[in-house]
Protein backbone atom coordinates (compact mmCIF):
# COMPACT_ATOMS: atom_id res chain seq x y z
CA MET A 1 -38.78 -46.57 27.37
CA PHE A 2 -41.73 -45.01 25.53
CA ILE A 3 -39.50 -42.77 23.35
CA LEU A 4 -37.00 -45.54 22.53
CA LEU A 5 -39.59 -48.20 21.84
CA ILE A 6 -42.10 -46.23 19.77
CA GLY A 7 -39.84 -43.44 18.44
CA GLY A 8 -36.95 -45.84 17.80
CA GLY A 9 -39.32 -48.44 16.36
CA LEU A 10 -40.91 -45.97 13.92
CA PHE A 11 -37.43 -44.84 12.85
CA LEU A 12 -36.50 -48.49 12.08
CA VAL A 13 -39.74 -49.01 10.10
CA LEU A 14 -38.86 -46.06 7.83
CA TYR A 15 -35.12 -46.81 7.79
CA SER A 16 -35.79 -50.39 6.62
CA LYS A 17 -38.17 -49.07 3.90
CA PHE A 18 -40.83 -51.46 5.32
CA LEU A 19 -38.59 -54.47 4.51
CA PRO A 20 -39.93 -56.92 7.17
CA TYR A 21 -43.52 -56.40 5.98
CA ARG A 22 -42.63 -56.71 2.28
CA TYR A 23 -40.91 -60.09 2.82
CA PHE A 24 -43.54 -61.60 5.15
CA GLY A 25 -44.17 -64.58 2.81
CA HIS A 26 -40.44 -65.24 2.47
CA ALA A 27 -40.14 -65.28 6.28
CA ILE A 28 -42.80 -68.02 6.48
CA ALA A 29 -40.88 -70.08 3.85
CA ILE A 30 -37.64 -69.81 5.90
CA THR A 31 -39.45 -70.91 9.07
CA ALA A 32 -40.87 -73.92 7.22
CA GLY A 33 -37.25 -74.99 6.59
CA LYS A 34 -37.16 -74.26 2.85
CA TYR A 35 -33.80 -72.46 3.12
CA ASP A 36 -32.12 -74.49 5.93
CA ASP A 37 -28.35 -74.95 5.81
CA LYS A 38 -27.34 -78.31 7.34
CA ASN A 39 -23.74 -77.18 7.97
CA ALA A 40 -24.53 -73.92 9.78
CA LYS A 41 -23.31 -73.32 13.34
CA GLY A 42 -25.83 -73.28 16.20
CA ASP A 43 -27.80 -75.47 18.62
CA VAL A 44 -31.41 -75.37 17.43
CA SER A 45 -33.31 -74.99 14.13
CA SER A 46 -34.96 -71.67 13.18
CA PHE A 47 -38.36 -73.28 13.77
CA GLN A 48 -37.30 -74.45 17.25
CA ALA A 49 -35.89 -71.01 18.07
CA LEU A 50 -39.16 -69.38 16.96
CA SER A 51 -41.20 -71.98 18.91
CA ALA A 52 -39.14 -71.38 22.05
CA ALA A 53 -39.29 -67.59 21.66
CA VAL A 54 -43.06 -67.80 20.99
CA ALA A 55 -43.38 -70.19 23.96
CA ALA A 56 -41.91 -67.50 26.15
CA THR A 57 -44.26 -64.87 24.70
CA VAL A 58 -47.50 -66.68 23.73
CA GLY A 59 -48.73 -67.44 27.14
CA LEU A 60 -50.17 -65.63 30.07
CA GLY A 61 -49.06 -62.27 28.61
CA ASN A 62 -51.60 -62.81 25.84
CA ILE A 63 -54.34 -64.38 27.92
CA SER A 64 -54.21 -62.45 31.20
CA GLY A 65 -52.04 -59.54 29.99
CA VAL A 66 -54.81 -58.47 27.59
CA ALA A 67 -57.37 -58.72 30.39
CA ILE A 68 -55.16 -56.55 32.65
CA ALA A 69 -54.83 -53.99 29.82
CA ILE A 70 -58.60 -53.89 29.22
CA HIS A 71 -59.23 -53.64 32.98
CA ASP A 72 -56.74 -50.76 33.34
CA GLY A 73 -57.58 -48.82 30.17
CA GLY A 74 -60.78 -50.14 28.59
CA PRO A 75 -61.22 -51.81 25.17
CA GLY A 76 -59.38 -48.98 23.34
CA VAL A 77 -56.08 -50.22 24.76
CA VAL A 78 -56.16 -53.12 22.29
CA PHE A 79 -55.63 -50.73 19.35
CA TRP A 80 -52.39 -49.44 20.94
CA ILE A 81 -51.33 -53.04 21.54
CA TRP A 82 -51.70 -53.63 17.76
CA VAL A 83 -49.70 -50.50 16.85
CA THR A 84 -46.87 -51.53 19.18
CA ALA A 85 -46.89 -55.08 17.77
CA LEU A 86 -46.58 -53.89 14.15
CA ILE A 87 -43.67 -51.63 15.10
CA GLY A 88 -42.31 -54.52 17.22
CA MET A 89 -42.03 -56.74 14.12
CA CYS A 90 -39.46 -54.35 12.72
CA ILE A 91 -37.57 -54.11 16.04
CA LYS A 92 -37.46 -57.94 16.21
CA PHE A 93 -36.09 -58.12 12.66
CA TYR A 94 -33.17 -55.82 13.54
CA SER A 95 -32.41 -57.17 17.03
CA CYS A 96 -32.50 -60.86 16.03
CA SER A 97 -30.38 -60.22 12.91
CA LEU A 98 -27.81 -58.62 15.24
CA SER A 99 -27.92 -61.67 17.54
CA ILE A 100 -26.51 -63.83 14.69
CA MET A 101 -24.16 -61.11 13.40
CA PHE A 102 -22.43 -60.68 16.76
CA ARG A 103 -22.25 -64.07 18.44
CA GLY A 104 -19.86 -64.68 21.31
CA LYS A 105 -18.69 -67.60 23.42
CA ASP A 106 -19.22 -68.03 27.14
CA SER A 107 -16.56 -69.27 29.58
CA ASP A 108 -17.47 -72.89 28.64
CA GLY A 109 -16.73 -72.11 24.97
CA LYS A 110 -20.41 -72.45 23.96
CA LEU A 111 -21.84 -70.23 21.22
CA GLN A 112 -24.06 -67.45 22.62
CA GLY A 113 -26.09 -64.57 21.22
CA GLY A 114 -28.19 -61.72 22.56
CA PRO A 115 -28.03 -58.05 23.58
CA MET A 116 -24.97 -58.49 25.85
CA PHE A 117 -22.96 -59.74 22.86
CA TYR A 118 -24.10 -57.29 20.20
CA ILE A 119 -23.62 -54.42 22.66
CA THR A 120 -20.04 -55.41 23.56
CA GLN A 121 -18.96 -56.62 20.11
CA GLY A 122 -20.95 -54.24 17.93
CA LEU A 123 -20.46 -51.05 19.93
CA GLY A 124 -17.03 -52.00 21.31
CA PRO A 125 -15.60 -52.53 24.84
CA LYS A 126 -16.58 -49.00 25.94
CA ALA A 127 -20.23 -50.08 25.82
CA LYS A 128 -19.72 -52.95 28.31
CA PRO A 129 -21.44 -51.05 31.19
CA LEU A 130 -24.62 -50.94 29.00
CA ALA A 131 -24.45 -54.72 28.56
CA ILE A 132 -23.91 -55.27 32.30
CA PHE A 133 -26.84 -52.94 33.10
CA PHE A 134 -29.05 -55.00 30.73
CA ALA A 135 -27.95 -58.29 32.33
CA VAL A 136 -28.50 -57.04 35.91
CA CYS A 137 -32.07 -55.91 35.05
CA GLY A 138 -32.57 -59.29 33.36
CA LEU A 139 -31.91 -61.08 36.67
CA PHE A 140 -35.26 -59.61 37.83
CA GLY A 141 -37.12 -59.23 34.52
CA PHE A 142 -36.67 -62.89 33.59
CA LEU A 143 -38.09 -64.30 36.81
CA GLY A 144 -41.23 -66.32 36.12
CA VAL A 145 -43.15 -64.40 38.78
CA PHE A 146 -46.03 -63.10 36.64
CA THR A 147 -46.64 -66.53 35.14
CA ALA A 148 -46.50 -68.31 38.51
CA ASN A 149 -48.84 -65.71 40.03
CA GLN A 150 -51.43 -65.91 37.24
CA PHE A 151 -51.27 -69.71 37.07
CA THR A 152 -52.04 -69.84 40.80
CA GLU A 153 -54.98 -67.43 40.32
CA THR A 154 -56.31 -69.66 37.51
CA PHE A 155 -56.03 -72.74 39.69
CA MET A 156 -57.79 -71.06 42.63
CA SER A 157 -60.64 -69.77 40.41
CA VAL A 158 -61.31 -73.02 38.56
CA ILE A 159 -60.70 -75.64 41.25
CA GLU A 160 -62.27 -73.59 44.08
CA PRO A 161 -60.29 -75.30 46.88
CA SER A 162 -63.03 -74.61 49.46
CA LYS A 163 -65.17 -77.22 47.65
CA THR A 164 -62.47 -79.93 47.86
CA ILE A 165 -61.92 -82.42 50.67
CA PHE A 166 -58.64 -80.78 51.73
CA GLU A 167 -59.27 -78.32 54.54
CA MET A 168 -56.70 -75.57 53.99
CA ASP A 169 -57.07 -71.82 53.87
CA GLU A 170 -56.45 -69.90 50.62
CA THR A 171 -52.87 -68.87 51.48
CA ASN A 172 -51.80 -72.44 52.23
CA TRP A 173 -53.33 -73.56 48.94
CA LYS A 174 -51.31 -70.90 47.13
CA TRP A 175 -48.09 -72.02 48.85
CA THR A 176 -48.88 -75.61 47.81
CA VAL A 177 -49.52 -74.67 44.16
CA GLY A 178 -46.27 -72.63 44.18
CA PHE A 179 -44.26 -75.59 45.51
CA VAL A 180 -45.71 -78.06 42.98
CA LEU A 181 -45.07 -75.61 40.12
CA ALA A 182 -41.50 -75.09 41.34
CA ILE A 183 -40.82 -78.85 41.48
CA VAL A 184 -42.21 -79.50 37.97
CA THR A 185 -40.18 -76.58 36.56
CA SER A 186 -37.00 -77.88 38.24
CA PHE A 187 -37.17 -81.18 36.35
CA VAL A 188 -36.97 -79.43 32.98
CA ILE A 189 -34.72 -76.44 33.68
CA PHE A 190 -31.98 -78.51 35.27
CA GLY A 191 -31.98 -80.56 32.08
CA GLY A 192 -30.63 -77.75 29.86
CA LEU A 193 -31.57 -76.01 26.61
CA THR A 194 -32.09 -78.94 24.25
CA LYS A 195 -34.72 -80.38 26.57
CA ILE A 196 -36.41 -76.97 26.79
CA ALA A 197 -36.43 -76.60 22.98
CA LYS A 198 -37.90 -80.11 22.56
CA VAL A 199 -40.58 -79.67 25.22
CA ALA A 200 -41.52 -76.17 24.00
CA SER A 201 -41.72 -77.05 20.32
CA ALA A 202 -43.91 -80.07 21.22
CA ILE A 203 -46.33 -78.33 23.62
CA VAL A 204 -46.66 -74.83 22.22
CA PRO A 205 -47.91 -75.26 18.63
CA PHE A 206 -50.51 -77.78 19.88
CA MET A 207 -51.74 -75.53 22.72
CA VAL A 208 -51.83 -72.41 20.54
CA ALA A 209 -53.97 -74.44 18.08
CA VAL A 210 -56.35 -75.62 20.86
CA TYR A 211 -56.65 -72.06 22.19
CA LEU A 212 -57.34 -70.61 18.73
CA ILE A 213 -59.95 -73.31 17.96
CA ALA A 214 -61.74 -72.54 21.26
CA VAL A 215 -61.70 -68.81 20.45
CA ILE A 216 -62.93 -69.39 16.87
CA ILE A 217 -65.84 -71.51 18.21
CA VAL A 218 -66.77 -68.67 20.60
CA MET A 219 -66.56 -66.14 17.75
CA ALA A 220 -68.60 -68.33 15.39
CA MET A 221 -71.34 -68.71 18.02
CA ASN A 222 -71.36 -64.95 18.63
CA ALA A 223 -70.64 -63.83 15.06
CA SER A 224 -72.99 -60.85 15.25
CA GLN A 225 -70.94 -59.42 18.15
CA ILE A 226 -67.52 -59.47 16.43
CA ILE A 227 -67.90 -56.28 14.37
CA PRO A 228 -69.34 -54.26 17.31
CA SER A 229 -66.43 -55.50 19.52
CA LEU A 230 -63.80 -54.41 16.97
CA LYS A 231 -65.66 -51.10 16.49
CA LEU A 232 -65.56 -50.52 20.25
CA ILE A 233 -61.76 -51.08 20.24
CA LEU A 234 -61.30 -48.52 17.43
CA THR A 235 -63.60 -45.84 18.85
CA GLU A 236 -62.31 -46.18 22.44
CA ALA A 237 -58.68 -45.99 21.23
CA TRP A 238 -59.24 -42.30 20.43
CA ASN A 239 -61.22 -41.46 23.55
CA PHE A 240 -59.52 -38.23 24.64
CA LYS A 241 -61.89 -37.91 27.63
CA THR A 242 -60.96 -41.31 29.02
CA VAL A 243 -61.09 -41.83 32.80
CA VAL A 244 -57.81 -43.78 32.73
CA THR A 245 -55.08 -42.39 35.01
CA GLY A 246 -52.98 -40.11 32.82
CA GLY A 247 -55.85 -39.52 30.36
CA PHE A 248 -55.35 -40.36 26.69
CA TRP A 249 -51.56 -40.78 27.02
CA GLY A 250 -52.15 -43.04 30.02
CA LEU A 251 -54.26 -45.24 27.72
CA VAL A 252 -51.51 -45.34 25.05
CA ILE A 253 -48.81 -46.18 27.61
CA ILE A 254 -50.88 -49.05 29.10
CA GLY A 255 -51.22 -50.45 25.56
CA ILE A 256 -47.48 -50.19 24.91
CA ARG A 257 -46.58 -51.72 28.26
CA ARG A 258 -48.87 -54.69 27.83
CA ALA A 259 -47.87 -55.17 24.17
CA MET A 260 -44.24 -55.26 25.19
CA PHE A 261 -45.11 -57.80 27.86
CA SER A 262 -47.02 -59.80 25.28
CA ASN A 263 -44.45 -59.90 22.44
CA GLU A 264 -41.25 -58.66 24.12
CA ALA A 265 -40.18 -56.67 21.05
CA GLY A 266 -37.39 -54.29 22.01
CA LEU A 267 -36.81 -56.14 25.26
CA GLY A 268 -33.87 -58.21 24.05
CA SER A 269 -35.07 -61.63 25.23
CA ALA A 270 -35.85 -63.20 21.83
CA PRO A 271 -32.34 -62.41 20.43
CA MET A 272 -30.93 -64.70 23.16
CA TYR A 273 -32.85 -67.63 21.69
CA HIS A 274 -32.43 -66.71 18.04
CA GLY A 275 -28.70 -66.26 18.69
CA GLN A 276 -28.52 -70.07 19.13
CA SER A 277 -30.11 -70.86 15.75
CA LYS A 278 -28.42 -73.09 13.20
CA THR A 279 -27.84 -70.40 10.64
CA ASP A 280 -24.97 -68.28 9.43
CA ASN A 281 -27.23 -65.72 7.82
CA PRO A 282 -28.36 -62.89 10.14
CA VAL A 283 -31.08 -61.57 7.82
CA LYS A 284 -32.80 -64.97 7.53
CA GLU A 285 -32.98 -65.24 11.31
CA GLY A 286 -34.27 -61.67 11.61
CA LEU A 287 -37.09 -62.48 9.18
CA VAL A 288 -38.06 -65.62 11.14
CA ALA A 289 -38.02 -63.70 14.43
CA MET A 290 -40.29 -60.91 13.21
CA LEU A 291 -43.14 -63.45 12.84
CA GLY A 292 -43.21 -63.69 16.67
CA PRO A 293 -45.06 -60.40 17.40
CA PHE A 294 -47.49 -61.15 14.56
CA ILE A 295 -48.40 -64.59 15.97
CA ASP A 296 -48.61 -63.72 19.64
CA THR A 297 -50.01 -60.20 19.52
CA ILE A 298 -51.85 -59.51 16.26
CA LEU A 299 -53.46 -63.00 16.31
CA VAL A 300 -53.63 -64.35 19.88
CA CYS A 301 -54.14 -61.03 21.73
CA THR A 302 -56.85 -59.89 19.32
CA PHE A 303 -58.78 -63.14 19.67
CA THR A 304 -58.56 -62.96 23.47
CA ALA A 305 -59.68 -59.32 23.48
CA VAL A 306 -62.69 -60.01 21.24
CA VAL A 307 -63.85 -62.88 23.50
CA ILE A 308 -63.48 -60.68 26.62
CA ILE A 309 -65.44 -57.83 24.99
CA LEU A 310 -68.25 -59.84 23.40
CA SER A 311 -68.82 -61.82 26.62
CA GLY A 312 -69.19 -58.56 28.60
CA ALA A 313 -66.60 -59.80 31.15
CA TYR A 314 -64.70 -56.51 30.82
CA LEU A 315 -67.63 -54.61 32.42
CA GLU A 316 -67.05 -56.37 35.74
CA ASP A 317 -64.39 -55.35 38.23
CA GLN A 318 -62.07 -58.29 37.62
CA SER A 319 -58.48 -58.21 36.49
CA GLY A 320 -55.97 -60.56 35.00
CA ILE A 321 -56.71 -64.18 34.29
CA VAL A 322 -59.99 -64.15 36.29
CA MET A 323 -61.57 -61.84 33.66
CA THR A 324 -60.52 -64.17 30.82
CA LEU A 325 -61.79 -67.22 32.75
CA THR A 326 -65.18 -65.51 33.21
CA ALA A 327 -65.33 -64.71 29.48
CA PHE A 328 -64.59 -68.31 28.48
CA GLU A 329 -66.95 -69.85 31.03
CA ARG A 330 -69.83 -67.68 29.73
CA THR A 331 -69.20 -68.35 26.08
CA LEU A 332 -68.21 -72.05 26.02
CA PHE A 333 -71.18 -73.96 27.53
CA GLY A 334 -69.93 -73.37 31.11
CA TYR A 335 -66.80 -75.49 30.55
CA GLY A 336 -64.63 -72.80 28.96
CA ASP A 337 -62.82 -72.04 32.20
CA ASP A 338 -61.79 -75.72 32.60
CA LEU A 339 -60.45 -75.82 29.05
CA LEU A 340 -58.60 -72.54 29.65
CA MET A 341 -57.11 -74.01 32.83
CA ILE A 342 -55.49 -76.82 30.77
CA ILE A 343 -54.22 -74.38 28.12
CA VAL A 344 -52.89 -71.98 30.77
CA SER A 345 -51.06 -74.85 32.50
CA ALA A 346 -49.21 -75.70 29.28
CA PHE A 347 -48.43 -72.05 28.49
CA ALA A 348 -47.33 -71.38 32.07
CA LEU A 349 -44.92 -74.33 32.11
CA SER A 350 -43.44 -73.54 28.67
CA THR A 351 -42.94 -69.89 29.70
CA LEU A 352 -41.25 -70.90 32.95
CA PHE A 353 -38.92 -73.30 31.10
CA THR A 354 -37.81 -70.63 28.63
CA TYR A 355 -37.47 -67.71 31.05
CA SER A 356 -35.06 -69.51 33.37
CA TYR A 357 -32.74 -69.92 30.39
CA TYR A 358 -32.67 -66.15 29.75
CA GLY A 359 -31.78 -65.48 33.40
CA VAL A 360 -28.96 -68.04 33.31
CA LYS A 361 -27.49 -66.22 30.30
CA CYS A 362 -27.63 -62.87 32.11
CA LEU A 363 -25.89 -64.21 35.23
CA SER A 364 -23.33 -66.10 33.11
CA PHE A 365 -22.45 -62.87 31.31
CA ILE A 366 -21.92 -60.93 34.56
CA THR A 367 -19.93 -63.79 36.17
CA ASN A 368 -19.18 -67.01 34.25
CA ALA A 369 -21.06 -70.03 32.91
CA LYS A 370 -20.49 -72.12 36.06
CA ILE A 371 -21.95 -69.50 38.41
CA GLY A 372 -24.68 -68.70 35.83
CA LYS A 373 -26.29 -72.08 36.43
CA PHE A 374 -27.08 -71.07 40.03
CA TYR A 375 -29.69 -68.65 38.65
CA ASN A 376 -32.02 -71.65 38.26
CA TRP A 377 -32.16 -72.13 42.05
CA TYR A 378 -33.08 -68.47 42.60
CA PHE A 379 -35.64 -68.74 39.77
CA VAL A 380 -37.33 -71.81 41.31
CA ILE A 381 -37.47 -70.26 44.82
CA MET A 382 -39.09 -67.08 43.42
CA ILE A 383 -41.85 -69.16 41.75
CA VAL A 384 -43.03 -70.17 45.24
CA PHE A 385 -43.08 -66.57 46.51
CA ALA A 386 -44.84 -65.30 43.37
CA ALA A 387 -47.70 -67.76 43.95
CA VAL A 388 -48.67 -65.92 47.16
CA ALA A 389 -47.73 -62.35 46.10
CA SER A 390 -50.29 -59.77 44.92
CA LEU A 391 -50.81 -59.20 41.18
CA ASP A 392 -49.86 -55.50 41.55
CA LEU A 393 -46.50 -56.28 43.14
CA VAL A 394 -45.61 -58.84 40.46
CA LYS A 395 -46.85 -56.63 37.59
CA ASN A 396 -44.89 -53.59 38.80
CA LEU A 397 -41.66 -55.57 39.28
CA ILE A 398 -41.84 -56.91 35.71
CA ASP A 399 -42.91 -53.58 34.14
CA LEU A 400 -40.03 -51.76 35.83
CA SER A 401 -37.42 -54.40 34.89
CA TYR A 402 -38.68 -54.50 31.28
CA ALA A 403 -38.63 -50.71 30.91
CA LEU A 404 -35.01 -50.61 32.16
CA MET A 405 -33.95 -53.47 29.84
CA VAL A 406 -35.44 -51.73 26.77
CA ILE A 407 -33.11 -48.73 27.24
CA PRO A 408 -29.67 -50.36 26.65
CA ASN A 409 -31.09 -52.82 24.10
CA MET A 410 -32.81 -50.22 21.91
CA ILE A 411 -29.77 -47.87 22.06
CA ALA A 412 -27.62 -50.72 20.66
CA VAL A 413 -30.20 -51.78 18.03
CA LEU A 414 -30.56 -48.20 16.72
CA LEU A 415 -26.80 -47.62 16.57
CA LEU A 416 -26.14 -50.95 14.82
CA ALA A 417 -29.12 -50.76 12.38
CA PRO A 418 -26.90 -49.64 9.41
CA LYS A 419 -24.96 -52.94 9.68
CA VAL A 420 -28.22 -54.92 9.36
CA ASN A 421 -29.29 -52.87 6.31
CA LYS A 422 -25.94 -53.63 4.65
CA GLU A 423 -26.40 -57.39 5.25
CA ALA A 424 -30.03 -57.26 4.07
CA LYS A 425 -28.99 -55.61 0.80
CA LYS A 426 -26.43 -58.40 0.15
CA TYR A 427 -28.91 -61.13 1.12
CA PHE A 428 -31.72 -59.96 -1.18
CA GLN A 429 -29.33 -59.38 -4.11
CA ARG A 430 -28.07 -62.95 -3.70
CA LEU A 431 -31.64 -64.26 -3.47
CA LYS A 432 -32.59 -62.48 -6.72
CA SER A 433 -29.58 -63.87 -8.59
CA GLU A 434 -30.36 -67.43 -7.36
CA HIS A 435 -33.94 -67.16 -8.66
CA ARG A 436 -32.92 -65.98 -12.11
């Protein structure tokens, strides 16, 4: 995973001649709808596809994932999260361009995109075992277990059930939270994609804005601590005598793992959403998609990390969402944890809505679209179990599934990269001639 993600990613950065970074402004214009084609095939707009893909990634990965990374590897981990995110922008550009270039139809005749389709169509029928391997790992990787687990932890920390009138022990409370979360999720996921896209594009931009405002207030009130916090990240990133398991390389790998969990670049999940976009131009969609890692990792993760460091919460032996809750409670007049609880609830639900959809696509590819829908039942049942499981169990299941999914996806992206470059050349030549 490490070699394919970082080595393969660096190769793509050089092979593209830094194209995604050079056309960053153009990507924002496409997302704003400046270049929309009303007659293009697809189910959702580029903005909706980006919102849904960001809904699946901006969430607990950025709020508790960063805390887990800092707990496991210290503040220096954040630097390696940044490096992976910048490389990830290029991987997203290539993989999401491929998702439009090689679209397929499922057994219901609906238009589909994603790694399974660009592997089988781009690399040919011989590569089908790679696509099946990806889809099988996706059946586990796309379970909402991490989100359900961390949402339950948030609820238990903020509400403190022992202080309520309901006399139940902690485990029973967790089962209850799991059941309620499963029921709420069921209402949306059994409604299909268009409902998911509508709900996600309504909730997510608003909640990201609320979260960023809260973080900016904290940073403004502790302005003198921002530079020292960033300095700590940079100096600790090169701490060769680190006590992290695996030493310096252990530190780097924790950063890469958590960055991949945060922005999912190289994982192959975002191409499934972007493959549904109303566009016939692969390069345009690739440019929209590459904004994802920038929004959810360079912006959201950095803000979270700075709050955790300047509050001193990282010095205590807490992990996951509890560390972030402590940081917010300390820095926002004692009410920060309540505000974070509301934000986390919205992020958790939007992530659960989007992830179920990825799993359905994986099962539909292995079987057919009718059987694929049964994934939702399995997904909902696993939410309940995740609520009572330990963080380590959930984290390891997701890390392992993700690492295995990166392998077939990155092999396909690297082999098909020349096709994207060819399309990009045509697209930018056409753009130049239109502007003349």
